[in-house]
Protein backbone atom coordinates (compact mmCIF):
# COMPACT_ATOMS: atom_id res chain seq x y z
CA MET A 1 -19.13 -17.00 -3.96
CA GLN A 2 -19.35 -19.39 -1.02
CA ILE A 3 -19.69 -18.31 2.61
CA LEU A 4 -17.92 -20.76 4.88
CA ASN A 5 -19.02 -21.65 8.39
CA VAL A 6 -16.86 -20.08 11.08
CA ASN A 7 -16.28 -23.15 13.22
CA TYR A 8 -12.75 -24.22 14.04
CA ASN A 9 -11.89 -26.85 16.63
CA THR A 10 -10.08 -24.32 18.77
CA ASN A 11 -10.76 -22.63 22.08
CA PHE A 12 -10.06 -18.98 22.64
CA GLY A 13 -8.20 -18.83 25.94
CA LYS A 14 -6.20 -22.05 25.51
CA SER A 15 -2.54 -22.20 24.66
CA TYR A 16 -1.75 -24.58 21.81
CA ILE A 17 1.30 -26.84 21.84
CA MET A 18 2.70 -27.61 18.40
CA ASN A 19 4.45 -30.95 18.05
CA THR A 20 6.85 -29.68 15.44
CA GLY A 21 10.30 -28.62 16.61
CA LEU A 22 12.19 -25.74 15.03
CA ASN A 23 14.31 -26.80 12.10
CA LYS A 24 16.98 -24.36 11.01
CA ASN A 25 15.63 -24.59 7.46
CA MET A 26 12.04 -24.08 8.59
CA LYS A 27 10.44 -20.81 7.58
CA THR A 28 8.69 -18.64 10.15
CA ASN A 29 5.31 -18.94 8.44
CA SER A 30 5.33 -22.72 8.95
CA LEU A 31 5.22 -22.15 12.71
CA ILE A 32 2.06 -20.03 12.59
CA ASN A 33 -1.18 -21.88 13.28
CA ASN A 34 -3.36 -20.24 10.62
CA ASP A 35 -6.66 -21.66 11.89
CA ARG A 36 -5.92 -20.63 15.46
CA LEU A 37 -4.94 -17.12 14.35
CA THR A 38 -8.11 -16.76 12.28
CA ASP A 39 -10.28 -18.13 15.04
CA THR A 40 -8.77 -15.76 17.60
CA PHE A 41 -9.50 -12.78 15.37
CA ILE A 42 -13.08 -13.87 14.71
CA LYS A 43 -13.81 -14.36 18.39
CA LEU A 44 -12.36 -10.94 19.21
CA THR A 45 -14.61 -9.27 16.63
CA LYS A 46 -17.67 -10.67 18.40
CA ILE A 47 -16.78 -8.90 21.65
CA ASP A 48 -18.29 -5.41 21.75
CA SER A 49 -15.64 -2.78 22.48
CA GLY A 50 -16.66 0.47 20.80
CA SER A 51 -15.32 3.74 22.20
CA LYS A 52 -17.13 7.11 22.39
CA GLU A 53 -15.34 10.38 21.73
CA GLU A 54 -17.85 12.46 23.67
CA LEU A 55 -16.98 10.52 26.85
CA ALA A 56 -13.24 10.08 26.29
CA ASP A 57 -12.31 13.41 27.89
CA LYS A 58 -14.15 12.39 31.04
CA ARG A 59 -12.99 8.80 31.62
CA THR A 60 -10.71 6.04 30.37
CA PRO A 61 -11.92 3.76 28.99
CA SER A 62 -14.78 5.78 27.57
CA THR A 63 -17.15 2.77 27.55
CA ASP A 64 -17.79 -0.15 29.89
CA SER A 65 -17.62 -2.65 27.03
CA GLN A 66 -13.90 -1.97 26.76
CA LYS A 67 -13.43 -3.13 30.36
CA ASN A 68 -14.87 -6.50 29.40
CA ILE A 69 -12.49 -7.14 26.52
CA ALA A 70 -9.54 -5.91 28.59
CA ASN A 71 -10.22 -8.60 31.18
CA ILE A 72 -10.60 -11.25 28.48
CA LEU A 73 -7.24 -10.28 26.99
CA LYS A 74 -5.59 -10.31 30.42
CA ASN A 75 -6.78 -13.88 30.96
CA GLU A 76 -5.58 -14.86 27.49
CA LEU A 77 -2.05 -13.58 28.14
CA GLU A 78 -1.95 -15.42 31.47
CA GLN A 79 -2.98 -18.69 29.82
CA ILE A 80 -0.31 -18.31 27.15
CA GLY A 81 2.16 -18.18 30.04
CA LEU A 82 3.50 -14.63 29.89
CA SER A 83 4.80 -12.94 33.02
CA ASP A 84 3.94 -9.62 34.68
CA VAL A 85 0.43 -9.73 33.25
CA ASP A 86 -1.43 -6.67 34.51
CA ILE A 87 -4.43 -4.49 33.84
CA ASP A 88 -4.24 -0.97 35.25
CA LYS A 89 -7.00 1.39 36.37
CA ASN A 90 -7.35 2.69 32.80
CA CYS A 91 -7.75 -0.85 31.42
CA ILE A 92 -4.36 -0.88 29.69
CA VAL A 93 -3.33 -4.54 29.55
CA THR A 94 0.39 -5.32 29.68
CA ALA A 95 2.53 -8.47 29.81
CA THR A 96 6.11 -9.64 29.31
CA LEU A 97 7.72 -12.46 27.36
CA ASN A 98 11.21 -12.71 28.83
CA SER A 99 14.25 -12.95 26.56
CA ASN A 100 15.76 -16.33 25.73
CA LEU A 101 19.05 -14.78 24.56
CA GLN A 102 22.32 -15.36 26.40
CA LYS A 103 23.37 -11.77 25.82
CA SER A 104 21.75 -8.50 26.81
CA SER A 105 19.53 -6.88 24.21
CA LYS A 106 16.96 -4.17 23.67
CA THR A 107 13.43 -4.66 24.99
CA ILE A 108 10.81 -4.39 22.23
CA GLY A 109 7.15 -3.48 22.64
CA LEU A 110 4.20 -4.74 20.59
CA ILE A 111 1.08 -2.60 20.93
CA ALA A 112 -2.48 -2.80 19.58
CA HIS A 113 -5.78 -1.21 20.59
CA TYR A 114 -8.98 -3.08 21.31
CA ASP A 115 -11.56 -0.32 20.90
CA THR A 116 -13.43 0.06 17.62
CA SER A 117 -14.57 3.21 15.84
CA GLU A 118 -18.02 4.72 16.27
CA ALA A 119 -17.89 5.97 12.66
CA ALA A 120 -19.95 2.89 11.77
CA PRO A 121 -22.12 0.57 13.89
CA ASN A 122 -19.67 -1.47 15.96
CA SER A 123 -21.64 -3.76 18.25
CA ASN A 124 -23.07 -7.23 17.65
CA VAL A 125 -20.57 -7.98 14.89
CA LYS A 126 -21.33 -11.15 12.92
CA PRO A 127 -18.19 -12.11 10.95
CA LEU A 128 -18.41 -14.16 7.75
CA ILE A 129 -15.70 -15.93 5.76
CA HIS A 130 -16.00 -15.82 1.97
CA SER A 131 -14.10 -17.85 -0.61
CA TYR A 132 -13.69 -14.93 -2.98
CA THR A 133 -13.50 -15.51 -6.73
CA ASP A 134 -14.68 -12.34 -8.49
CA GLY A 135 -17.24 -9.57 -8.54
CA ASP A 136 -18.60 -7.51 -5.67
CA ILE A 137 -19.39 -9.00 -2.26
CA ILE A 138 -23.01 -8.14 -1.40
CA LEU A 139 -23.88 -8.02 2.31
CA LYS A 140 -26.92 -7.00 4.37
CA ASP A 141 -28.24 -3.43 4.54
CA GLY A 142 -27.17 -2.85 0.94
CA THR A 143 -23.52 -2.95 1.90
CA VAL A 144 -21.31 -3.63 -1.11
CA ILE A 145 -17.59 -4.38 -1.08
CA SER A 146 -16.38 -3.37 -4.51
CA GLN A 147 -14.53 -5.78 -6.75
CA ASN A 148 -12.01 -2.96 -7.26
CA ASP A 149 -11.03 -3.30 -3.59
CA LEU A 150 -11.16 -7.09 -3.75
CA LEU A 151 -9.19 -7.62 -6.97
CA PRO A 152 -5.80 -8.15 -5.23
CA TYR A 153 -7.37 -10.94 -3.15
CA LYS A 154 -8.87 -13.09 -5.89
CA ASN A 155 -9.13 -16.78 -4.95
CA GLN A 156 -8.42 -16.00 -1.30
CA LYS A 157 -10.53 -16.25 1.85
CA ILE A 158 -11.93 -12.92 3.00
CA ILE A 159 -13.47 -12.06 6.38
CA THR A 160 -16.27 -9.48 6.46
CA SER A 161 -19.07 -8.48 8.80
CA ASP A 162 -22.62 -9.31 7.76
CA GLY A 163 -22.93 -5.76 6.39
CA THR A 164 -24.78 -4.19 9.33
CA THR A 165 -21.61 -3.25 11.25
CA LEU A 166 -17.93 -2.68 10.74
CA LEU A 167 -15.71 -5.76 11.12
CA GLY A 168 -13.21 -4.59 13.73
CA ALA A 169 -9.96 -5.48 11.96
CA ASP A 170 -8.92 -2.04 13.21
CA ASP A 171 -7.41 -3.18 15.47
CA LYS A 172 -8.46 -6.65 16.56
CA ALA A 173 -6.40 -8.03 13.69
CA GLY A 174 -3.34 -6.48 15.35
CA ILE A 175 -4.23 -8.07 18.69
CA ALA A 176 -4.74 -11.51 17.13
CA GLU A 177 -1.41 -11.25 15.31
CA ILE A 178 0.46 -10.29 18.48
CA LEU A 179 -1.15 -13.15 20.44
CA GLU A 180 -0.21 -15.66 17.75
CA ALA A 181 3.35 -14.32 17.51
CA VAL A 182 3.99 -14.74 21.24
CA ARG A 183 2.46 -18.21 21.10
CA VAL A 184 4.91 -19.11 18.35
CA PHE A 185 7.80 -17.91 20.48
CA THR A 186 6.61 -19.78 23.58
CA GLU A 187 6.01 -22.99 21.60
CA ASN A 188 9.40 -22.87 19.87
CA PRO A 189 12.16 -22.19 22.44
CA ALA A 190 14.83 -22.43 19.75
CA LEU A 191 13.36 -19.34 18.11
CA LYS A 192 15.44 -16.53 19.59
CA HIS A 193 13.88 -13.32 20.81
CA PRO A 194 14.70 -10.42 23.13
CA THR A 195 12.38 -9.43 25.96
CA ILE A 196 9.01 -8.53 24.44
CA LYS A 197 6.56 -6.21 26.17
CA ILE A 198 2.90 -6.46 25.16
CA ALA A 199 0.29 -3.71 25.54
CA PHE A 200 -3.38 -3.71 24.54
CA THR A 201 -4.90 -0.26 24.90
CA PRO A 202 -8.32 1.45 25.01
CA ASP A 203 -9.63 4.54 23.26
CA GLU A 204 -7.19 4.77 20.38
CA GLU A 205 -10.04 5.79 18.12
CA THR A 206 -10.80 8.79 20.34
CA GLY A 207 -7.10 9.71 20.57
CA MET A 208 -7.29 9.77 24.36
CA GLY A 209 -6.40 6.32 25.67
CA ILE A 210 -2.68 6.57 25.03
CA SER A 211 -2.41 9.70 27.18
CA LYS A 212 -2.73 7.37 30.19
CA PHE A 213 0.00 4.99 28.99
CA ASN A 214 2.86 4.66 31.50
CA ILE A 215 5.98 4.51 29.32
CA LYS A 216 8.32 4.22 32.30
CA ASN A 217 6.55 1.14 33.66
CA PHE A 218 6.29 -0.38 30.19
CA ASN A 219 10.10 -0.23 30.10
CA ALA A 220 10.70 -0.87 26.38
CA ASP A 221 13.50 0.62 24.28
CA ALA A 222 11.42 0.70 21.09
CA ALA A 223 7.99 -0.49 20.04
CA TYR A 224 5.67 -1.11 17.12
CA THR A 225 1.94 -0.52 16.92
CA ILE A 226 0.28 -3.20 14.78
CA ASP A 227 -2.49 -0.97 13.49
CA GLY A 228 -1.95 -0.28 9.79
CA GLY A 229 -3.17 -1.65 6.50
CA ALA A 230 -1.19 -3.72 4.02
CA PRO A 231 1.36 -6.28 5.31
CA GLU A 232 4.21 -4.64 3.37
CA SER A 233 3.52 -1.25 4.94
CA VAL A 234 5.61 0.37 7.66
CA GLU A 235 4.51 3.86 8.63
CA ASN A 236 6.70 6.42 10.35
CA GLU A 237 4.82 9.66 9.68
CA THR A 238 1.37 10.86 10.70
CA PHE A 239 -0.73 13.99 10.53
CA ASN A 240 -0.53 16.74 13.10
CA ALA A 241 -4.08 16.58 14.37
CA PHE A 242 -6.54 19.03 15.90
CA ASN A 243 -10.21 18.32 16.61
CA PRO A 244 -11.68 21.84 16.96
CA GLU A 245 -15.10 22.58 18.44
CA ILE A 246 -17.06 25.70 17.56
CA ILE A 247 -19.99 26.56 19.85
CA ILE A 248 -22.24 29.28 18.42
CA LYS A 249 -24.66 31.14 20.69
CA GLY A 250 -27.81 32.39 18.97
CA LYS A 251 -30.90 34.24 20.14
CA THR A 252 -34.42 32.87 19.89
CA VAL A 253 -37.34 35.19 19.15
CA HIS A 254 -40.82 34.42 17.81
CA CYS A 255 -40.50 34.23 14.04
CA GLY A 256 -43.31 36.75 13.59
CA HIS A 257 -41.35 39.39 15.51
CA ALA A 258 -37.79 38.32 14.68
CA LYS A 259 -36.64 41.16 12.42
CA ASN A 260 -33.35 42.62 13.72
CA LYS A 261 -33.71 40.52 16.86
CA MET A 262 -33.27 36.80 16.08
CA ILE A 263 -29.76 35.41 15.80
CA ASN A 264 -29.98 31.98 14.16
CA SER A 265 -26.91 29.98 15.20
CA ILE A 266 -27.62 27.43 12.42
CA ASP A 267 -27.21 30.17 9.78
CA ILE A 268 -23.87 31.12 11.33
CA ALA A 269 -22.68 27.50 11.26
CA CYS A 270 -23.63 27.32 7.58
CA TYR A 271 -21.72 30.52 6.91
CA ILE A 272 -18.56 29.17 8.56
CA ALA A 273 -18.89 25.89 6.67
CA SER A 274 -19.27 27.76 3.36
CA GLN A 275 -15.95 29.55 3.92
CA LEU A 276 -13.87 26.36 4.10
CA PRO A 277 -11.94 25.74 0.84
CA ASP A 278 -13.53 23.04 -1.32
CA ASP A 279 -10.11 21.81 -2.46
CA GLU A 280 -8.94 21.30 1.13
CA LYS A 281 -11.37 18.63 2.30
CA PRO A 282 -10.83 14.86 2.78
CA GLN A 283 -12.71 14.04 -0.43
CA THR A 284 -10.49 16.37 -2.50
CA THR A 285 -7.04 15.67 -0.98
CA GLU A 286 -4.51 12.84 -0.93
CA ASN A 287 -0.93 11.93 0.02
CA ARG A 288 0.62 14.80 2.01
CA GLN A 289 -2.20 17.28 1.46
CA GLY A 290 -3.86 18.52 4.64
CA TYR A 291 -7.56 19.27 5.09
CA TYR A 292 -10.48 20.72 7.03
CA HIS A 293 -13.35 18.34 7.75
CA ILE A 294 -16.71 19.11 9.34
CA ASP A 295 -17.40 15.97 11.34
CA SER A 296 -20.77 17.00 12.76
CA ILE A 297 -23.16 19.93 13.18
CA SER A 298 -25.91 19.77 15.80
CA GLY A 299 -28.17 22.27 17.51
CA ASP A 300 -31.03 24.70 17.06
CA VAL A 301 -31.55 28.42 16.69
CA SER A 302 -30.23 29.18 20.18
CA GLU A 303 -27.04 27.11 20.03
CA THR A 304 -25.19 25.10 17.40
CA LYS A 305 -22.09 22.98 17.90
CA MET A 306 -19.68 22.21 15.09
CA LYS A 307 -17.05 19.48 15.44
CA LEU A 308 -14.18 19.55 12.95
CA LEU A 309 -11.02 17.68 12.09
CA VAL A 310 -7.98 19.71 11.03
CA ARG A 311 -5.04 17.74 9.66
CA ASP A 312 -1.64 18.47 8.12
CA HIS A 313 1.70 16.66 8.07
CA GLU A 314 3.53 19.94 8.72
CA TYR A 315 2.86 21.40 12.15
CA LYS A 316 3.25 24.98 10.92
CA LYS A 317 0.55 24.42 8.29
CA ALA A 318 -1.75 22.77 10.82
CA LYS A 319 -1.45 25.82 13.08
CA GLN A 320 -2.16 28.07 10.09
CA ARG A 321 -5.39 26.17 9.55
CA ILE A 322 -6.36 26.76 13.18
CA LYS A 323 -5.53 30.44 12.73
CA TYR A 324 -7.77 30.57 9.66
CA LEU A 325 -10.68 29.10 11.65
CA LYS A 326 -10.18 31.76 14.33
CA THR A 327 -10.23 34.44 11.64
CA LEU A 328 -13.52 33.03 10.26
CA ILE A 329 -15.04 33.01 13.73
CA ASN A 330 -14.08 36.65 14.37
CA LYS A 331 -15.54 37.59 11.01
CA ALA A 332 -18.78 35.74 11.84
CA LYS A 333 -19.02 37.54 15.19
CA LYS A 334 -18.86 40.91 13.46
CA ILE A 335 -21.38 39.99 10.75
CA TYR A 336 -23.96 38.37 13.03
CA GLY A 337 -23.30 40.06 16.38
CA CYS A 338 -23.12 36.73 18.18
CA GLU A 339 -21.00 34.91 20.75
CA ILE A 340 -18.83 32.03 19.54
CA GLU A 341 -16.65 29.77 21.69
CA PHE A 342 -13.68 28.04 20.05
CA LYS A 343 -11.69 25.06 21.34
CA GLU A 344 -8.74 23.96 19.20
CA ASN A 345 -8.31 20.54 20.91
CA LYS A 346 -4.85 19.37 19.84
CA ARG A 347 -4.86 15.58 19.60
CA TYR A 348 -1.50 14.28 18.32
CA LEU A 349 1.65 15.33 16.46
CA ASN A 350 3.57 13.94 13.49
CA MET A 351 5.83 11.19 14.88
CA LYS A 352 8.47 11.26 12.13
CA GLU A 353 10.93 13.68 13.74
CA TYR A 354 11.01 11.51 16.88
CA ILE A 355 11.36 8.15 15.08
CA ASP A 356 14.15 9.49 12.85
CA LYS A 357 16.35 9.76 15.95
CA TYR A 358 16.36 5.94 16.21
CA PRO A 359 17.10 4.64 12.68
CA GLU A 360 17.45 1.00 13.75
CA VAL A 361 13.72 0.89 14.59
CA MET A 362 12.83 1.38 10.94
CA GLU A 363 15.84 -0.59 9.70
CA TYR A 364 14.77 -3.79 11.49
CA ALA A 365 11.14 -3.33 10.49
CA ILE A 366 12.15 -3.11 6.83
CA LYS A 367 14.46 -6.10 7.15
CA GLY A 368 11.81 -8.20 8.91
CA ILE A 369 9.18 -7.45 6.27
CA THR A 370 11.73 -8.36 3.58
CA LEU A 371 12.33 -11.71 5.31
CA SER A 372 8.60 -12.36 4.93
CA GLY A 373 9.07 -12.22 1.16
CA LEU A 374 7.49 -8.78 0.76
CA THR A 375 8.77 -5.51 -0.66
CA PRO A 376 8.52 -3.02 2.22
CA LYS A 377 6.78 0.30 1.65
CA CYS A 378 7.59 3.19 3.98
CA GLU A 379 4.38 5.19 3.99
CA VAL A 380 2.82 8.34 5.36
CA ILE A 381 -0.36 7.82 7.40
CA ARG A 382 -3.30 9.98 6.47
CA GLY A 383 -4.52 9.54 10.01
CA GLY A 384 -3.10 8.90 13.44
CA THR A 385 -1.81 6.13 15.62
CA ASP A 386 -0.93 5.68 19.27
CA GLY A 387 2.68 5.68 18.10
CA SER A 388 2.45 9.44 17.56
CA GLU A 389 2.10 10.18 21.25
CA LEU A 390 4.44 7.38 22.34
CA SER A 391 7.18 8.59 19.99
CA ARG A 392 6.79 12.17 21.17
CA ARG A 393 7.19 10.98 24.76
CA GLY A 394 10.40 9.08 24.03
CA LEU A 395 9.35 5.59 22.91
CA PRO A 396 9.99 5.37 19.14
CA THR A 397 6.98 3.52 17.74
CA PRO A 398 6.41 3.10 13.98
CA ASN A 399 3.20 1.48 12.77
CA LEU A 400 3.09 -1.92 11.06
CA GLY A 401 0.33 -3.28 8.83
CA ALA A 402 -2.42 -5.37 10.43
CA GLY A 403 -3.92 -6.41 7.08
CA GLY A 404 -7.41 -4.89 7.01
CA VAL A 405 -9.06 -2.87 4.24
CA ASN A 406 -11.78 -0.15 4.36
CA PHE A 407 -11.48 0.59 8.07
CA HIS A 408 -14.30 2.38 9.92
CA SER A 409 -17.00 1.22 7.50
CA LYS A 410 -19.50 -1.55 6.92
CA SER A 411 -17.44 -2.57 3.88
CA GLU A 412 -14.35 -3.30 6.00
CA PHE A 413 -12.74 -6.67 5.28
CA LEU A 414 -9.67 -8.73 6.15
CA PRO A 415 -8.00 -11.21 3.79
CA ILE A 416 -6.82 -14.19 5.86
CA ASN A 417 -3.54 -14.25 3.92
CA ASN A 418 -2.91 -10.68 5.14
CA LEU A 419 -3.63 -11.72 8.72
CA VAL A 420 -1.04 -14.50 8.54
CA LYS A 421 1.55 -12.42 6.73
CA CYS A 422 1.33 -9.59 9.27
CA CYS A 423 1.91 -12.10 12.06
CA GLU A 424 4.93 -13.43 10.17
CA ASN A 425 6.27 -9.88 9.91
CA ILE A 426 6.10 -9.47 13.70
CA ILE A 427 8.06 -12.66 14.30
CA ASN A 428 10.70 -11.78 11.72
CA ILE A 429 11.13 -8.23 13.02
CA ILE A 430 11.59 -9.52 16.57
CA GLN A 431 14.22 -11.97 15.29
CA CYS A 432 16.06 -9.08 13.62
CA TRP A 433 16.31 -7.41 17.03
CA ALA A 434 17.57 -10.70 18.51
CA ASP A 435 20.25 -11.02 15.84
CA ASN A 436 21.50 -7.51 16.58
């Protein structure tokens, strides 16, 4: 397969003026500048913006690199010509595209996050474009993108990293799609739209950035995060999420004199891990099945820290999982005679019950995706999204596809057709709000 040079005659930071006027028979996708959209995404991936969970409780954004991309995005929105462009003390970037309707209408938010996951290397990204035909894509560091994942995208152009890092489609694809959508609206005044509020946020991957989001100032009636997978997907349900920490205190004694004295905190961590059900782990569950996941274990004889993920779509079941962990810890205390600290760390709740109160938010999403020539799929997220917290706080926010595949890994990729189609979805959904 051929790797194409990433070199378009475009400038990130410039607004493009299309000479074509809007014809009533013209389809939305004909207004999207595919090269510009692709180029914007590629340039965003090259800007380091990884977040760090261990720092997210202490500051927002959790890393200085996120401040850099926030300022770049602020400048971009200003050059497009949006109003009320602002970046707050937490590096949340917001802007407004004012309505061009003659009647009053709802205000709709479009939201994407600019941080990238630390689950894989996420700095110094080197994106590549492949003309994919068949077989696996082989990248550096032994990274392989399986032909099973690539099969739906045969004879399409695929963007990957060079294999040493993730790509960053989660969620720089969403940002690029939002930027292109508002460009289309500004370049085509005959294309009707309500007032659109834009927000680019930090620390979504840590689950902490959205806690600083000022919903009142954002002043939208409904919103969409552009942070999902397939273009036909619209997601209105998430896990209830807890990120527990278990801190085990041991006792160090010389190994030659340790009998009945040493308390090895590593042994206790292994015991707790062994008591988690094998059929309730990420690798053995799917669909609406919840799980326990040991994310990391670190320490020595004197102290060991365990970080876990506990997930379930039903809140009652999620709390039962937390209760089970507490039972295990109490049991371990009795067996080993040790001290154990437990933090349950609730992160986000299932957003479905909040979104269901506003049926038009899903109705227009489904209609807009249909107008793009796709068959919409209402799906359950086996993960989280900023929309969980926003919906709980009164801003109904389903999640739309951004087009990427294999998030949080070196094998992440983005079909360019997906990138364009997701942008088309945004434009069509906004038009559905304008029509109603």
